[in-house]
Amino acid sequence: MAQRHSDGNKLLMTVLYMVAACSAVPINDLLDRASQRSDTLHSLSTTLSHDLDFNFPPIGRMAMPRPSMCHTSSLQTPSDKEQALQVSESDLLSLARSLLQAWADPLVVLSTSANTLPHPAQSTISNKIQELQEHTKSLGDGLDILSGKMGPAAQLISSLPYRGGSDIGQDRISKLVNFNFLLSCFRRDSHKIDSFLKVLRCRAAKLRPEMC
């Protein structure tokens, strides 16, 4: 019993130390780290899309839903860098956090579905989906810390529930199409998140807009 209490105290002290260390890190450094993680996240989702393109049936491309069907499409976001530069820092961070949080459940669906995906690169795809989940969790933790430093507006989260269910289909074509579509939505959103964080990093470094 005493040993368990001692272990609990050590864990608490470790957590408190990490919180104190993070709170002492300047915003610029936190933004650099977040931008690096978001870049990795988008690069990984792009690589995954290329893996899926291999052995993807032509009929599947015709059956792919439009991007407007993505569950995050209702969130109003800047359409390009010029528009992003007009949005406040707090609102940009809020948008990035809202998009990232909206993928908590869909990534579980992708991870579960990848285990039985009818694709020659199934094992590789499954491993990379797990990496996506890990990087998403890591980035989310970092953005939570950032939002605490940037005020109440940055802590606002827009609810974007995923209602697609856990079943991506019964036959080979529908499984590949629905999996590819869901991943394409994530790839699009990871690009937005990466773009928003890069704009925030540029502003924090006081770089000219054309350098962002």
C-alpha atoms as a PDB file:
ATOM      1  CA  MET A   1       0.000   0.000   0.000  1.00  0.00           C
ATOM      2  CA  ALA A   2       2.851   2.344   0.910  1.00  0.00           C
ATOM      3  CA  GLN A   3       4.615   1.494  -2.366  1.00  0.00           C
ATOM      4  CA  ARG A   4       1.475   2.355  -4.375  1.00  0.00           C
ATOM      5  CA  HIS A   5       1.190   5.685  -2.532  1.00  0.00           C
ATOM      6  CA  SER A   6       4.851   6.402  -3.266  1.00  0.00           C
ATOM      7  CA  ASP A   7       4.399   5.591  -6.962  1.00  0.00           C
ATOM      8  CA  GLY A   8       1.357   7.854  -7.072  1.00  0.00           C
ATOM      9  CA  ASN A   9       3.340  10.724  -5.586  1.00  0.00           C
ATOM     10  CA  LYS A  10       6.129  10.214  -8.132  1.00  0.00           C
ATOM     11  CA  LEU A  11       3.614  10.267 -10.993  1.00  0.00           C
ATOM     12  CA  LEU A  12       1.999  13.432  -9.639  1.00  0.00           C
ATOM     13  CA  MET A  13       5.364  15.143  -9.305  1.00  0.00           C
ATOM     14  CA  THR A  14       6.270  14.131 -12.878  1.00  0.00           C
ATOM     15  CA  VAL A  15       3.007  15.577 -14.204  1.00  0.00           C
ATOM     16  CA  LEU A  16       3.453  18.801 -12.227  1.00  0.00           C
ATOM     17  CA  TYR A  17       7.022  19.119 -13.495  1.00  0.00           C
ATOM     18  CA  MET A  18       5.890  18.677 -17.104  1.00  0.00           C
ATOM     19  CA  VAL A  19       3.129  21.259 -16.685  1.00  0.00           C
ATOM     20  CA  ALA A  20       5.566  23.716 -15.146  1.00  0.00           C
ATOM     21  CA  ALA A  21       8.092  23.082 -17.904  1.00  0.00           C
ATOM     22  CA  CYS A  22       5.505  23.600 -20.651  1.00  0.00           C
ATOM     23  CA  SER A  23       4.188  26.789 -19.075  1.00  0.00           C
ATOM     24  CA  ALA A  24       7.727  28.169 -19.063  1.00  0.00           C
ATOM     25  CA  VAL A  25       8.196  27.550 -22.797  1.00  0.00           C
ATOM     26  CA  PRO A  26       7.752  30.741 -24.884  1.00  0.00           C
ATOM     27  CA  ILE A  27       4.814  30.873 -27.309  1.00  0.00           C
ATOM     28  CA  ASN A  28       7.196  31.120 -30.267  1.00  0.00           C
ATOM     29  CA  ASP A  29       8.831  27.810 -29.332  1.00  0.00           C
ATOM     30  CA  LEU A  30       5.456  26.140 -28.767  1.00  0.00           C
ATOM     31  CA  LEU A  31       4.297  27.324 -32.189  1.00  0.00           C
ATOM     32  CA  ASP A  32       7.480  25.982 -33.784  1.00  0.00           C
ATOM     33  CA  ARG A  33       6.861  22.572 -32.236  1.00  0.00           C
ATOM     34  CA  ALA A  34       3.180  22.580 -33.160  1.00  0.00           C
ATOM     35  CA  SER A  35       3.990  23.565 -36.743  1.00  0.00           C
ATOM     36  CA  GLN A  36       6.545  20.759 -37.024  1.00  0.00           C
ATOM     37  CA  ARG A  37       4.029  18.220 -35.730  1.00  0.00           C
ATOM     38  CA  SER A  38       1.263  19.447 -38.023  1.00  0.00           C
ATOM     39  CA  ASP A  39       3.644  19.252 -40.980  1.00  0.00           C
ATOM     40  CA  THR A  40       4.440  15.638 -40.074  1.00  0.00           C
ATOM     41  CA  LEU A  41       0.725  14.901 -39.737  1.00  0.00           C
ATOM     42  CA  HIS A  42      -0.096  16.281 -43.181  1.00  0.00           C
ATOM     43  CA  SER A  43       2.894  14.561 -44.801  1.00  0.00           C
ATOM     44  CA  LEU A  44       1.857  11.234 -43.302  1.00  0.00           C
ATOM     45  CA  SER A  45      -1.752  11.608 -44.483  1.00  0.00           C
ATOM     46  CA  THR A  46      -0.473  12.448 -47.976  1.00  0.00           C
ATOM     47  CA  THR A  47       1.745   9.359 -48.019  1.00  0.00           C
ATOM     48  CA  LEU A  48      -1.201   7.252 -46.875  1.00  0.00           C
ATOM     49  CA  SER A  49      -3.332   8.594 -49.718  1.00  0.00           C
ATOM     50  CA  HIS A  50      -0.635   7.570 -52.181  1.00  0.00           C
ATOM     51  CA  ASP A  51      -0.532   4.084 -50.632  1.00  0.00           C
ATOM     52  CA  LEU A  52      -4.279   3.774 -51.124  1.00  0.00           C
ATOM     53  CA  ASP A  53      -4.097   4.945 -54.729  1.00  0.00           C
ATOM     54  CA  PHE A  54      -2.127   1.804 -55.450  1.00  0.00           C
ATOM     55  CA  ASN A  55      -4.627  -0.893 -56.488  1.00  0.00           C
ATOM     56  CA  PHE A  56      -7.619   1.451 -56.114  1.00  0.00           C
ATOM     57  CA  PRO A  57     -10.258   0.411 -58.705  1.00  0.00           C
ATOM     58  CA  PRO A  58     -11.228   3.036 -61.331  1.00  0.00           C
ATOM     59  CA  ILE A  59     -14.918   2.557 -60.497  1.00  0.00           C
ATOM     60  CA  GLY A  60     -14.056   3.571 -56.950  1.00  0.00           C
ATOM     61  CA  ARG A  61     -12.881   7.001 -58.093  1.00  0.00           C
ATOM     62  CA  MET A  62     -16.209   7.630 -59.779  1.00  0.00           C
ATOM     63  CA  ALA A  63     -18.078   6.602 -56.627  1.00  0.00           C
ATOM     64  CA  MET A  64     -16.082   8.873 -54.300  1.00  0.00           C
ATOM     65  CA  PRO A  65     -18.291  11.429 -52.491  1.00  0.00           C
ATOM     66  CA  ARG A  66     -17.564  15.123 -52.983  1.00  0.00           C
ATOM     67  CA  PRO A  67     -15.361  16.968 -50.455  1.00  0.00           C
ATOM     68  CA  SER A  68     -18.449  18.908 -49.337  1.00  0.00           C
ATOM     69  CA  MET A  69     -19.656  15.646 -47.776  1.00  0.00           C
ATOM     70  CA  CYS A  70     -16.810  15.653 -45.223  1.00  0.00           C
ATOM     71  CA  HIS A  71     -18.193  15.979 -41.686  1.00  0.00           C
ATOM     72  CA  THR A  72     -16.042  19.076 -41.038  1.00  0.00           C
ATOM     73  CA  SER A  73     -17.278  20.977 -44.115  1.00  0.00           C
ATOM     74  CA  SER A  74     -19.773  23.016 -42.067  1.00  0.00           C
ATOM     75  CA  LEU A  75     -16.906  24.847 -40.331  1.00  0.00           C
ATOM     76  CA  GLN A  76     -16.211  28.172 -42.032  1.00  0.00           C
ATOM     77  CA  THR A  77     -12.468  28.388 -42.602  1.00  0.00           C
ATOM     78  CA  PRO A  78     -10.178  30.634 -44.682  1.00  0.00           C
ATOM     79  CA  SER A  79      -9.917  29.290 -48.220  1.00  0.00           C
ATOM     80  CA  ASP A  80      -6.327  30.418 -48.789  1.00  0.00           C
ATOM     81  CA  LYS A  81      -3.320  32.054 -47.121  1.00  0.00           C
ATOM     82  CA  GLU A  82      -4.498  35.573 -47.921  1.00  0.00           C
ATOM     83  CA  GLN A  83      -7.759  34.985 -46.061  1.00  0.00           C
ATOM     84  CA  ALA A  84      -5.952  33.266 -43.189  1.00  0.00           C
ATOM     85  CA  LEU A  85      -3.785  36.359 -42.735  1.00  0.00           C
ATOM     86  CA  GLN A  86      -6.954  38.361 -42.070  1.00  0.00           C
ATOM     87  CA  VAL A  87      -8.072  36.097 -39.206  1.00  0.00           C
ATOM     88  CA  SER A  88      -6.999  36.820 -35.624  1.00  0.00           C
ATOM     89  CA  GLU A  89      -4.437  34.581 -33.927  1.00  0.00           C
ATOM     90  CA  SER A  90      -6.955  33.309 -31.373  1.00  0.00           C
ATOM     91  CA  ASP A  91      -9.540  32.459 -34.026  1.00  0.00           C
ATOM     92  CA  LEU A  92      -6.962  30.628 -36.163  1.00  0.00           C
ATOM     93  CA  LEU A  93      -5.923  28.501 -33.216  1.00  0.00           C
ATOM     94  CA  SER A  94      -9.576  27.844 -32.367  1.00  0.00           C
ATOM     95  CA  LEU A  95     -10.200  26.673 -35.943  1.00  0.00           C
ATOM     96  CA  ALA A  96      -7.158  24.380 -35.868  1.00  0.00           C
ATOM     97  CA  ARG A  97      -8.211  22.865 -32.548  1.00  0.00           C
ATOM     98  CA  SER A  98     -11.812  22.410 -33.716  1.00  0.00           C
ATOM     99  CA  LEU A  99     -10.686  20.551 -36.844  1.00  0.00           C
ATOM    100  CA  LEU A 100      -8.248  18.381 -34.917  1.00  0.00           C
ATOM    101  CA  GLN A 101     -10.771  17.460 -32.224  1.00  0.00           C
ATOM    102  CA  ALA A 102     -13.370  16.587 -34.874  1.00  0.00           C
ATOM    103  CA  TRP A 103     -11.152  13.680 -35.948  1.00  0.00           C
ATOM    104  CA  ALA A 104     -11.000  11.845 -32.629  1.00  0.00           C
ATOM    105  CA  ASP A 105     -13.831   9.411 -33.522  1.00  0.00           C
ATOM    106  CA  PRO A 106     -13.236   9.123 -37.301  1.00  0.00           C
ATOM    107  CA  LEU A 107      -9.591   8.173 -36.715  1.00  0.00           C
ATOM    108  CA  VAL A 108     -10.784   5.309 -34.510  1.00  0.00           C
ATOM    109  CA  VAL A 109     -13.024   4.193 -37.388  1.00  0.00           C
ATOM    110  CA  LEU A 110     -10.079   4.361 -39.805  1.00  0.00           C
ATOM    111  CA  SER A 111      -7.847   2.455 -37.398  1.00  0.00           C
ATOM    112  CA  THR A 112     -10.404  -0.324 -36.849  1.00  0.00           C
ATOM    113  CA  SER A 113     -11.287  -0.547 -40.542  1.00  0.00           C
ATOM    114  CA  ALA A 114      -7.620  -0.652 -41.596  1.00  0.00           C
ATOM    115  CA  ASN A 115      -7.207  -3.997 -39.833  1.00  0.00           C
ATOM    116  CA  THR A 116      -9.382  -5.725 -42.442  1.00  0.00           C
ATOM    117  CA  LEU A 117      -8.986  -3.369 -45.403  1.00  0.00           C
ATOM    118  CA  PRO A 118      -9.006  -5.341 -48.695  1.00  0.00           C
ATOM    119  CA  HIS A 119      -5.789  -3.816 -49.999  1.00  0.00           C
ATOM    120  CA  PRO A 120      -2.325  -5.318 -50.740  1.00  0.00           C
ATOM    121  CA  ALA A 121      -0.687  -2.680 -48.501  1.00  0.00           C
ATOM    122  CA  GLN A 122      -3.147  -3.302 -45.655  1.00  0.00           C
ATOM    123  CA  SER A 123      -0.472  -3.859 -43.004  1.00  0.00           C
ATOM    124  CA  THR A 124       1.452  -0.696 -43.950  1.00  0.00           C
ATOM    125  CA  ILE A 125      -1.743   1.354 -44.073  1.00  0.00           C
ATOM    126  CA  SER A 126      -2.814   0.064 -40.663  1.00  0.00           C
ATOM    127  CA  ASN A 127       0.540   0.988 -39.098  1.00  0.00           C
ATOM    128  CA  LYS A 128       0.453   4.482 -40.589  1.00  0.00           C
ATOM    129  CA  ILE A 129      -3.091   5.071 -39.334  1.00  0.00           C
ATOM    130  CA  GLN A 130      -1.830   4.288 -35.833  1.00  0.00           C
ATOM    131  CA  GLU A 131       0.941   6.829 -36.379  1.00  0.00           C
ATOM    132  CA  LEU A 132      -1.698   9.369 -37.430  1.00  0.00           C
ATOM    133  CA  GLN A 133      -3.541   8.787 -34.166  1.00  0.00           C
ATOM    134  CA  GLU A 134      -0.371   9.234 -32.122  1.00  0.00           C
ATOM    135  CA  HIS A 135       0.662  12.434 -33.917  1.00  0.00           C
ATOM    136  CA  THR A 136      -2.887  13.814 -33.671  1.00  0.00           C
ATOM    137  CA  LYS A 137      -2.932  13.202 -29.907  1.00  0.00           C
ATOM    138  CA  SER A 138       0.494  14.791 -29.498  1.00  0.00           C
ATOM    139  CA  LEU A 139      -0.465  17.840 -31.566  1.00  0.00           C
ATOM    140  CA  GLY A 140      -3.763  18.177 -29.703  1.00  0.00           C
ATOM    141  CA  ASP A 141      -1.955  18.224 -26.344  1.00  0.00           C
ATOM    142  CA  GLY A 142       0.395  20.901 -27.645  1.00  0.00           C
ATOM    143  CA  LEU A 143      -2.440  23.065 -28.962  1.00  0.00           C
ATOM    144  CA  ASP A 144      -4.240  22.772 -25.629  1.00  0.00           C
ATOM    145  CA  ILE A 145      -1.195  24.277 -23.929  1.00  0.00           C
ATOM    146  CA  LEU A 146      -0.986  27.002 -26.582  1.00  0.00           C
ATOM    147  CA  SER A 147      -4.647  27.905 -26.204  1.00  0.00           C
ATOM    148  CA  GLY A 148      -4.144  28.405 -22.481  1.00  0.00           C
ATOM    149  CA  LYS A 149      -1.508  31.013 -23.276  1.00  0.00           C
ATOM    150  CA  MET A 150      -3.529  32.810 -25.961  1.00  0.00           C
ATOM    151  CA  GLY A 151      -6.698  33.603 -24.043  1.00  0.00           C
ATOM    152  CA  PRO A 152     -10.383  32.535 -23.942  1.00  0.00           C
ATOM    153  CA  ALA A 153     -11.078  32.986 -27.680  1.00  0.00           C
ATOM    154  CA  ALA A 154      -8.370  30.465 -28.562  1.00  0.00           C
ATOM    155  CA  GLN A 155      -9.966  27.936 -26.195  1.00  0.00           C
ATOM    156  CA  LEU A 156     -13.315  27.918 -27.998  1.00  0.00           C
ATOM    157  CA  ILE A 157     -14.085  24.675 -29.823  1.00  0.00           C
ATOM    158  CA  SER A 158     -16.707  24.301 -32.561  1.00  0.00           C
ATOM    159  CA  SER A 159     -18.586  21.006 -32.333  1.00  0.00           C
ATOM    160  CA  LEU A 160     -18.257  18.965 -35.538  1.00  0.00           C
ATOM    161  CA  PRO A 161     -19.754  15.549 -34.709  1.00  0.00           C
ATOM    162  CA  TYR A 162     -18.997  12.582 -36.911  1.00  0.00           C
ATOM    163  CA  ARG A 163     -22.178  10.692 -37.807  1.00  0.00           C
ATOM    164  CA  GLY A 164     -20.755   8.305 -40.391  1.00  0.00           C
ATOM    165  CA  GLY A 165     -20.852   5.283 -38.094  1.00  0.00           C
ATOM    166  CA  SER A 166     -18.192   2.620 -37.684  1.00  0.00           C
ATOM    167  CA  ASP A 167     -19.207   0.438 -40.662  1.00  0.00           C
ATOM    168  CA  ILE A 168     -17.426   1.553 -43.845  1.00  0.00           C
ATOM    169  CA  GLY A 169     -19.118  -1.066 -46.039  1.00  0.00           C
ATOM    170  CA  GLN A 170     -19.707  -4.756 -46.648  1.00  0.00           C
ATOM    171  CA  ASP A 171     -18.118  -5.335 -50.063  1.00  0.00           C
ATOM    172  CA  ARG A 172     -14.581  -4.666 -51.282  1.00  0.00           C
ATOM    173  CA  ILE A 173     -15.376  -1.607 -53.410  1.00  0.00           C
ATOM    174  CA  SER A 174     -17.477   0.188 -50.797  1.00  0.00           C
ATOM    175  CA  LYS A 175     -14.857  -0.460 -48.110  1.00  0.00           C
ATOM    176  CA  LEU A 176     -12.078   0.992 -50.260  1.00  0.00           C
ATOM    177  CA  VAL A 177     -14.189   3.955 -51.400  1.00  0.00           C
ATOM    178  CA  ASN A 178     -15.409   4.917 -47.926  1.00  0.00           C
ATOM    179  CA  PHE A 179     -11.985   4.437 -46.357  1.00  0.00           C
ATOM    180  CA  ASN A 180     -10.335   6.519 -49.088  1.00  0.00           C
ATOM    181  CA  PHE A 181     -12.961   9.234 -48.782  1.00  0.00           C
ATOM    182  CA  LEU A 182     -12.593   9.507 -45.008  1.00  0.00           C
ATOM    183  CA  LEU A 183      -8.829   9.673 -45.330  1.00  0.00           C
ATOM    184  CA  SER A 184      -9.102  12.321 -48.079  1.00  0.00           C
ATOM    185  CA  CYS A 185     -11.195  14.447 -45.693  1.00  0.00           C
ATOM    186  CA  PHE A 186      -8.531  14.074 -43.014  1.00  0.00           C
ATOM    187  CA  ARG A 187      -5.808  14.971 -45.499  1.00  0.00           C
ATOM    188  CA  ARG A 188      -7.694  18.139 -46.458  1.00  0.00           C
ATOM    189  CA  ASP A 189      -8.195  19.143 -42.825  1.00  0.00           C
ATOM    190  CA  SER A 190      -4.605  18.350 -41.846  1.00  0.00           C
ATOM    191  CA  HIS A 191      -3.495  20.706 -44.624  1.00  0.00           C
ATOM    192  CA  LYS A 192      -5.712  23.455 -43.191  1.00  0.00           C
ATOM    193  CA  ILE A 193      -4.397  22.882 -39.679  1.00  0.00           C
ATOM    194  CA  ASP A 194      -0.810  22.977 -40.931  1.00  0.00           C
ATOM    195  CA  SER A 195      -1.466  26.183 -42.896  1.00  0.00           C
ATOM    196  CA  PHE A 196      -3.103  27.932 -39.923  1.00  0.00           C
ATOM    197  CA  LEU A 197      -0.251  27.016 -37.592  1.00  0.00           C
ATOM    198  CA  LYS A 198       2.359  28.187 -40.091  1.00  0.00           C
ATOM    199  CA  VAL A 199       0.606  31.566 -40.324  1.00  0.00           C
ATOM    200  CA  LEU A 200       0.569  31.772 -36.517  1.00  0.00           C
ATOM    201  CA  ARG A 201       4.263  30.904 -36.373  1.00  0.00           C
ATOM    202  CA  CYS A 202       5.091  33.602 -38.929  1.00  0.00           C
ATOM    203  CA  ARG A 203       3.121  36.201 -36.994  1.00  0.00           C
ATOM    204  CA  ALA A 204       4.809  35.253 -33.727  1.00  0.00           C
ATOM    205  CA  ALA A 205       8.188  35.604 -35.423  1.00  0.00           C
ATOM    206  CA  LYS A 206       7.024  38.974 -36.812  1.00  0.00           C
ATOM    207  CA  LEU A 207       7.766  37.972 -40.406  1.00  0.00           C
ATOM    208  CA  ARG A 208       6.279  39.875 -43.322  1.00  0.00           C
ATOM    209  CA  PRO A 209       3.060  38.317 -44.748  1.00  0.00           C
ATOM    210  CA  GLU A 210       4.743  37.407 -48.040  1.00  0.00           C
ATOM    211  CA  MET A 211       7.258  35.286 -46.090  1.00  0.00           C
ATOM    212  CA  CYS A 212       4.546  33.193 -44.428  1.00  0.00           C
END
